[in-house]
Amino acid sequence: MKFVDEYRNIETVKKIAKQIKSITTKKWTIMEICGGQTHSIMKYNLQEFLPDEITLVHGPGCPVCVTALDVIDKAHLIAKKEDVIFTSFGDMLRVPGSFTDLLKIKAEGNDVRIVYSPLDAVNIAEQNPEKKVVFLAVGFETTAPANAMSVLEAKRRSINNYSILSSHVLVPPAMHAILGSENNLIQGFLAAGHVCTVMGYEEYIPISQQYNSPIIITGFEPVDILQGILACIKQLENNEAFVHNSYKRMVKKEGNIHAKKTMFEVFEISNKNWRGIGEIPNSGLKVKNKYKEFDADKIFSLEDYKIEEPKVCISGEIMQGLKKPFECPAFGKECLPENPLGAPMVSNEGACNAYFRYKK
């Protein structure tokens, strides 16, 4: 299969790993920002192909994992209402809130539906005019254009019973927060190829310059990731720091201009609370006031809803690359995929879930 098999070829993996080993003379710590990359690293045991001097740590790039607790609780409050059909992608149904999750709410008889596109939710709203249909719109820049398009489509079709509960987060401000922390351990980044497919990588250039940190745009297959690590180590060993695009088959510097235009027609940048991490300035997207009739926060008067996160796990430290999942005392004991204490154990892209799934 083109663009799959050749990027999983074991001989190519070994060849790149040999190149990495041949140029590595110092200890380096690299963060892959995306949960999809973490999943591949664990699934294909890529750390074992690397020299001991290289440490890979796992960033906050799982949108399910970083969705704030107050957003999850808002979703649960809305989903329990009799006049609501609540829609979501399947990976959000088991994310724990303060007291429950969407799967349990569904089991109690509430109308919670899994959809495969926000446009499916728009169609459900059109077919059920007597109900308020809400879509849980979460994710990084990757999913924001489609979620924005659902609002524009509902408006175009005069569907007045559709809204989104928006919890979009942006990658560059998170990288600022990690690199600017006094506890930062990260010397280089593997940036998420799918995010850059939408946004391009111009935003990363000043980050790389400010923190003297290589940023490598890469994909998600074993060869992609190792090529990204090789490019990063070359820069680190040569005391260089710039943005390098190792995912040219998908990513252009300017990104997808049409997708960005759609996204910023509906959304505007705002401060955002990240689960386990806290508020990061200018790191989120909220629905513009001109589309307030599609904003579930406003429709259900939940804009000011806040709740403090319990300290039940060390997910924040894990997602900032300060600790590995196995360093959490609850990992694999009280905290399991079927009984997650924190969001990183829920999603397949969560670091804790990936460690548990592929650990030896």
Protein backbone atom coordinates (compact mmCIF):
# COMPACT_ATOMS: atom_id res chain seq x y z
CA MET A 1 0.00 0.00 0.00
CA LYS A 2 1.65 3.23 -1.16
CA PHE A 3 2.68 5.64 1.63
CA VAL A 4 2.12 2.93 4.25
CA ASP A 5 4.18 -0.20 3.60
CA GLU A 6 7.34 1.68 2.63
CA TYR A 7 7.08 3.74 5.81
CA ARG A 8 6.95 0.57 7.94
CA ASN A 9 9.80 -1.25 6.22
CA ILE A 10 12.04 -2.81 8.88
CA GLU A 11 15.21 -2.54 6.78
CA THR A 12 14.61 1.18 6.26
CA VAL A 13 13.97 1.56 9.99
CA LYS A 14 17.27 -0.17 10.82
CA LYS A 15 19.15 1.94 8.27
CA ILE A 16 17.89 5.23 9.73
CA ALA A 17 18.49 3.99 13.28
CA LYS A 18 22.10 3.22 12.33
CA GLN A 19 22.49 6.76 10.98
CA ILE A 20 21.09 8.20 14.21
CA LYS A 21 23.48 6.13 16.30
CA SER A 22 26.47 7.15 14.18
CA ILE A 23 25.98 10.88 14.78
CA THR A 24 24.84 10.85 18.42
CA THR A 25 27.58 11.91 20.83
CA LYS A 26 25.60 13.49 23.68
CA LYS A 27 22.44 12.93 25.68
CA TRP A 28 19.36 14.50 24.08
CA THR A 29 15.70 14.69 25.09
CA ILE A 30 13.13 15.01 22.31
CA MET A 31 9.37 15.42 22.68
CA GLU A 32 6.87 14.16 20.15
CA ILE A 33 3.95 16.53 20.54
CA CYS A 34 1.23 14.27 19.11
CA GLY A 35 -0.49 11.31 20.73
CA GLY A 36 -0.59 9.53 17.37
CA GLN A 37 3.19 9.64 17.28
CA THR A 38 3.35 8.34 20.87
CA HIS A 39 1.10 5.46 19.84
CA SER A 40 3.42 4.54 16.95
CA ILE A 41 6.55 4.84 19.10
CA MET A 42 5.11 2.40 21.61
CA LYS A 43 3.45 0.07 19.07
CA TYR A 44 6.63 -0.35 17.02
CA ASN A 45 8.97 -0.14 20.03
CA LEU A 46 10.99 2.60 18.34
CA GLN A 47 12.88 3.57 21.48
CA GLU A 48 14.68 0.21 21.24
CA PHE A 49 16.13 1.22 17.86
CA LEU A 50 17.68 4.37 19.34
CA PRO A 51 20.95 4.79 21.23
CA ASP A 52 20.69 5.11 25.00
CA GLU A 53 21.66 8.78 24.79
CA ILE A 54 18.31 9.69 23.20
CA THR A 55 15.25 9.98 25.42
CA LEU A 56 11.79 10.36 23.90
CA VAL A 57 9.12 12.01 26.04
CA HIS A 58 5.46 12.41 25.27
CA GLY A 59 3.68 15.73 24.90
CA PRO A 60 0.12 16.97 25.39
CA GLY A 61 -0.90 16.14 21.84
CA CYS A 62 -3.92 13.99 22.59
CA PRO A 63 -7.00 16.22 22.23
CA VAL A 64 -9.15 13.81 24.22
CA CYS A 65 -6.67 13.91 27.07
CA VAL A 66 -6.30 17.68 27.35
CA THR A 67 -10.01 18.54 27.14
CA ALA A 68 -10.63 20.34 30.41
CA LEU A 69 -12.70 18.76 33.16
CA ASP A 70 -15.19 21.63 33.15
CA VAL A 71 -15.89 21.00 29.43
CA ILE A 72 -16.50 17.31 30.11
CA ASP A 73 -18.85 18.17 32.96
CA LYS A 74 -20.68 20.67 30.75
CA ALA A 75 -21.15 17.93 28.17
CA HIS A 76 -22.63 15.67 30.84
CA LEU A 77 -25.01 18.36 32.10
CA ILE A 78 -26.26 19.01 28.57
CA ALA A 79 -26.51 15.32 27.63
CA LYS A 80 -28.82 14.64 30.58
CA LYS A 81 -31.46 17.12 29.39
CA GLU A 82 -34.65 15.55 28.03
CA ASP A 83 -34.89 17.85 25.02
CA VAL A 84 -31.30 17.20 23.88
CA ILE A 85 -29.69 14.78 21.45
CA PHE A 86 -26.02 14.85 22.35
CA THR A 87 -23.55 13.80 19.66
CA SER A 88 -19.84 13.07 19.84
CA PHE A 89 -17.02 11.09 18.34
CA GLY A 90 -16.70 7.74 20.07
CA ASP A 91 -13.41 8.44 21.82
CA MET A 92 -15.03 11.06 24.06
CA LEU A 93 -17.67 8.74 25.53
CA ARG A 94 -15.42 7.19 28.18
CA VAL A 95 -13.51 10.31 29.22
CA PRO A 96 -14.17 10.66 32.97
CA GLY A 97 -15.77 13.81 34.30
CA SER A 98 -16.23 14.67 37.95
CA PHE A 99 -18.88 11.99 38.50
CA THR A 100 -19.62 10.03 35.33
CA ASP A 101 -18.97 9.70 31.60
CA LEU A 102 -21.08 9.93 28.44
CA LEU A 103 -21.26 6.15 28.06
CA LYS A 104 -22.92 5.81 31.45
CA ILE A 105 -25.24 8.72 30.69
CA LYS A 106 -26.24 6.93 27.48
CA ALA A 107 -26.82 3.69 29.41
CA GLU A 108 -29.19 5.58 31.72
CA GLY A 109 -31.49 6.21 28.76
CA ASN A 110 -30.34 9.62 27.58
CA ASP A 111 -30.03 10.25 23.84
CA VAL A 112 -26.26 10.20 23.29
CA ARG A 113 -25.13 9.28 19.80
CA ILE A 114 -21.77 8.51 18.22
CA VAL A 115 -21.22 10.29 14.90
CA TYR A 116 -18.38 10.07 12.41
CA SER A 117 -18.57 13.67 11.23
CA PRO A 118 -20.02 16.90 12.65
CA LEU A 119 -22.10 17.06 9.47
CA ASP A 120 -23.83 13.87 10.68
CA ALA A 121 -24.90 15.87 13.74
CA VAL A 122 -26.22 18.65 11.49
CA ASN A 123 -28.33 16.08 9.63
CA ILE A 124 -29.65 14.69 12.93
CA ALA A 125 -30.69 18.22 13.90
CA GLU A 126 -32.53 18.67 10.60
CA GLN A 127 -34.33 15.34 11.11
CA ASN A 128 -35.29 16.14 14.73
CA PRO A 129 -36.48 19.78 14.79
CA GLU A 130 -38.18 19.29 18.16
CA LYS A 131 -34.84 18.50 19.82
CA LYS A 132 -31.71 20.52 20.55
CA VAL A 133 -28.80 18.72 18.92
CA VAL A 134 -25.36 19.39 20.38
CA PHE A 135 -22.03 18.24 18.99
CA LEU A 136 -18.98 17.99 21.27
CA ALA A 137 -16.39 19.78 19.14
CA VAL A 138 -12.94 18.98 20.53
CA GLY A 139 -9.51 18.68 19.02
CA PHE A 140 -6.49 20.54 17.77
CA GLU A 141 -6.32 22.61 14.60
CA THR A 142 -6.87 19.39 12.66
CA THR A 143 -10.58 19.04 13.46
CA ALA A 144 -11.47 22.72 13.84
CA PRO A 145 -12.15 23.41 10.13
CA ALA A 146 -14.70 20.58 9.85
CA ASN A 147 -16.39 21.66 13.07
CA ALA A 148 -16.51 25.24 11.80
CA MET A 149 -17.95 23.98 8.52
CA SER A 150 -20.78 22.28 10.41
CA VAL A 151 -21.80 25.65 11.86
CA LEU A 152 -21.68 27.29 8.45
CA GLU A 153 -23.69 24.45 6.93
CA ALA A 154 -26.33 24.63 9.67
CA LYS A 155 -26.61 28.36 9.09
CA ARG A 156 -26.84 27.89 5.32
CA ARG A 157 -29.65 25.35 5.75
CA SER A 158 -31.41 27.46 8.44
CA ILE A 159 -31.12 24.67 11.01
CA ASN A 160 -31.74 26.51 14.25
CA ASN A 161 -31.59 23.60 16.72
CA TYR A 162 -27.91 22.75 16.16
CA SER A 163 -25.01 23.90 18.33
CA ILE A 164 -21.46 22.91 19.23
CA LEU A 165 -19.80 22.68 22.61
CA SER A 166 -16.38 23.88 21.53
CA SER A 167 -13.11 22.89 23.17
CA HIS A 168 -10.43 23.38 20.56
CA VAL A 169 -6.80 23.80 21.57
CA LEU A 170 -3.80 25.08 19.60
CA VAL A 171 -0.35 23.47 19.46
CA PRO A 172 2.11 26.43 19.23
CA PRO A 173 1.07 28.04 22.56
CA ALA A 174 1.49 24.67 24.29
CA MET A 175 5.01 24.43 22.89
CA HIS A 176 5.69 27.94 24.23
CA ALA A 177 4.43 26.85 27.66
CA ILE A 178 6.61 23.72 27.72
CA LEU A 179 9.81 25.33 26.43
CA GLY A 180 9.33 28.40 28.60
CA SER A 181 8.85 26.43 31.81
CA GLU A 182 11.60 26.59 34.41
CA ASN A 183 11.32 22.79 34.65
CA ASN A 184 11.69 22.23 30.92
CA LEU A 185 13.71 19.18 29.89
CA ILE A 186 12.99 19.29 26.15
CA GLN A 187 15.75 20.11 23.66
CA GLY A 188 13.96 19.33 20.40
CA PHE A 189 10.43 18.74 19.11
CA LEU A 190 8.72 16.44 16.65
CA ALA A 191 5.73 18.49 15.53
CA ALA A 192 2.44 16.92 14.41
CA GLY A 193 2.18 16.48 10.65
CA HIS A 194 -1.61 16.52 10.51
CA VAL A 195 -1.82 19.83 12.40
CA CYS A 196 0.76 21.34 10.06
CA THR A 197 -1.14 20.00 7.05
CA VAL A 198 -3.90 22.41 8.06
CA MET A 199 -1.92 25.27 9.61
CA GLY A 200 1.45 25.09 7.87
CA TYR A 201 4.55 25.72 9.96
CA GLU A 202 5.22 29.45 9.83
CA GLU A 203 4.08 29.78 13.46
CA TYR A 204 6.84 27.41 14.58
CA ILE A 205 9.73 29.45 13.18
CA PRO A 206 9.77 32.12 15.95
CA ILE A 207 9.34 29.41 18.62
CA SER A 208 12.39 27.56 17.35
CA GLN A 209 14.38 30.80 17.29
CA GLN A 210 13.24 32.03 20.70
CA TYR A 211 14.08 28.82 22.56
CA ASN A 212 16.95 27.64 20.35
CA SER A 213 15.08 24.37 19.82
CA PRO A 214 14.89 22.31 16.61
CA ILE A 215 11.32 21.66 15.48
CA ILE A 216 10.85 18.86 12.97
CA ILE A 217 7.53 18.42 11.14
CA THR A 218 6.96 14.69 10.77
CA GLY A 219 4.36 12.03 10.20
CA PHE A 220 3.20 9.02 12.16
CA GLU A 221 4.72 5.89 10.65
CA PRO A 222 7.96 4.37 12.01
CA VAL A 223 10.10 5.66 9.15
CA ASP A 224 8.51 9.12 9.43
CA ILE A 225 9.29 9.33 13.13
CA LEU A 226 12.86 8.06 12.84
CA GLN A 227 13.55 10.44 9.95
CA GLY A 228 12.29 13.23 12.18
CA ILE A 229 14.54 12.12 15.04
CA LEU A 230 17.53 11.95 12.68
CA ALA A 231 16.89 15.50 11.45
CA CYS A 232 16.51 16.70 15.03
CA ILE A 233 19.71 15.04 16.26
CA LYS A 234 21.67 16.49 13.33
CA GLN A 235 20.64 19.98 14.41
CA LEU A 236 21.29 19.37 18.10
CA GLU A 237 24.73 17.89 17.49
CA ASN A 238 25.62 20.87 15.24
CA ASN A 239 24.23 23.41 17.72
CA GLU A 240 21.58 24.48 15.22
CA ALA A 241 17.90 25.24 15.71
CA PHE A 242 15.39 25.74 12.92
CA VAL A 243 12.14 24.31 11.57
CA HIS A 244 12.58 21.41 9.18
CA ASN A 245 9.76 19.81 7.18
CA SER A 246 10.24 16.04 7.02
CA TYR A 247 6.62 15.49 5.96
CA LYS A 248 6.72 17.17 2.57
CA ARG A 249 4.32 14.69 1.02
CA MET A 250 1.57 16.31 3.10
CA VAL A 251 2.72 19.63 4.57
CA LYS A 252 3.27 22.99 2.90
CA LYS A 253 4.71 26.01 4.67
CA GLU A 254 1.45 27.97 4.34
CA GLY A 255 -0.80 24.99 5.17
CA ASN A 256 -4.33 24.67 3.83
CA ILE A 257 -5.44 28.24 3.25
CA HIS A 258 -9.09 27.38 2.64
CA ALA A 259 -9.32 25.28 5.81
CA LYS A 260 -7.77 28.08 7.89
CA LYS A 261 -10.18 30.62 6.40
CA THR A 262 -13.15 28.42 7.34
CA MET A 263 -11.82 27.89 10.85
CA PHE A 264 -11.27 31.57 11.59
CA GLU A 265 -14.62 32.54 10.11
CA VAL A 266 -16.37 30.73 12.97
CA PHE A 267 -13.72 30.68 15.73
CA GLU A 268 -11.49 33.24 17.40
CA ILE A 269 -8.42 32.71 19.59
CA SER A 270 -8.93 32.67 23.35
CA ASN A 271 -7.22 31.54 26.55
CA LYS A 272 -7.82 27.86 27.23
CA ASN A 273 -7.65 25.53 30.20
CA TRP A 274 -5.84 22.25 29.45
CA ARG A 275 -6.70 19.26 31.59
CA GLY A 276 -3.84 18.40 33.91
CA ILE A 277 -1.84 21.45 32.85
CA GLY A 278 -3.95 24.55 33.52
CA GLU A 279 -4.64 27.69 31.54
CA ILE A 280 -2.38 28.51 28.60
CA PRO A 281 -2.83 32.01 27.12
CA ASN A 282 -4.16 32.22 23.55
CA SER A 283 -4.17 28.44 23.24
CA GLY A 284 -7.81 27.81 22.37
CA LEU A 285 -10.59 28.61 19.95
CA LYS A 286 -14.04 29.84 20.95
CA VAL A 287 -17.11 30.48 18.83
CA LYS A 288 -17.32 34.07 17.62
CA ASN A 289 -20.20 36.14 18.91
CA LYS A 290 -21.57 36.47 15.35
CA TYR A 291 -22.36 32.73 15.55
CA LYS A 292 -23.59 32.73 19.15
CA GLU A 293 -26.83 30.96 18.17
CA PHE A 294 -24.67 27.88 17.49
CA ASP A 295 -22.66 28.13 20.72
CA ALA A 296 -23.84 25.57 23.28
CA ASP A 297 -22.04 27.46 26.07
CA LYS A 298 -24.34 30.42 25.48
CA ILE A 299 -27.49 28.44 24.70
CA PHE A 300 -27.28 26.48 27.97
CA SER A 301 -25.80 29.38 30.02
CA LEU A 302 -22.63 27.46 30.90
CA GLU A 303 -19.99 30.05 29.99
CA ASP A 304 -19.04 30.64 33.62
CA TYR A 305 -19.08 26.99 34.70
CA LYS A 306 -15.77 26.12 36.37
CA ILE A 307 -14.59 23.21 38.46
CA GLU A 308 -11.26 22.42 40.08
CA GLU A 309 -9.51 19.29 38.92
CA PRO A 310 -8.86 16.62 41.54
CA LYS A 311 -5.24 15.55 42.03
CA VAL A 312 -5.90 11.89 41.31
CA CYS A 313 -3.03 11.29 38.89
CA ILE A 314 0.10 12.89 37.48
CA SER A 315 -1.30 13.37 33.98
CA GLY A 316 -0.18 17.00 33.85
CA GLU A 317 3.44 16.08 34.50
CA ILE A 318 3.22 13.28 31.94
CA MET A 319 1.79 15.54 29.24
CA GLN A 320 4.49 18.15 29.86
CA GLY A 321 7.19 15.53 29.43
CA LEU A 322 8.34 15.73 33.05
CA LYS A 323 7.48 12.12 33.89
CA LYS A 324 6.71 8.85 32.12
CA PRO A 325 3.41 7.01 32.67
CA PHE A 326 5.04 4.18 34.64
CA GLU A 327 6.23 6.74 37.20
CA CYS A 328 2.63 7.29 38.29
CA PRO A 329 1.89 5.09 41.34
CA ALA A 330 -1.63 4.41 40.03
CA PHE A 331 -0.52 3.28 36.55
CA GLY A 332 -1.65 -0.25 35.77
CA LYS A 333 -3.13 -0.62 39.24
CA GLU A 334 -6.01 1.68 40.17
CA CYS A 335 -5.73 3.34 36.75
CA LEU A 336 -6.58 1.00 33.86
CA PRO A 337 -8.16 1.54 30.39
CA GLU A 338 -11.45 0.13 31.70
CA ASN A 339 -11.24 2.28 34.85
CA PRO A 340 -9.23 5.42 33.98
CA LEU A 341 -8.38 7.88 36.70
CA GLY A 342 -7.12 10.42 34.19
CA ALA A 343 -7.75 11.24 30.56
CA PRO A 344 -4.37 9.96 29.20
CA MET A 345 -5.50 6.41 30.01
CA VAL A 346 -8.78 6.75 28.07
CA SER A 347 -7.84 7.47 24.49
CA ASN A 348 -5.72 5.24 22.25
CA GLU A 349 -3.61 8.37 21.68
CA GLY A 350 -3.08 8.93 25.40
CA ALA A 351 0.44 8.24 26.63
CA CYS A 352 -0.73 6.11 29.58
CA ASN A 353 -3.01 4.04 27.35
CA ALA A 354 -0.21 3.50 24.81
CA TYR A 355 2.23 2.42 27.56
CA PHE A 356 -0.33 0.05 29.05
CA ARG A 357 -1.32 -1.40 25.66
CA TYR A 358 2.22 -2.05 24.42
CA LYS A 359 4.25 -2.50 27.58
CA LYS A 360 6.33 -5.67 27.83
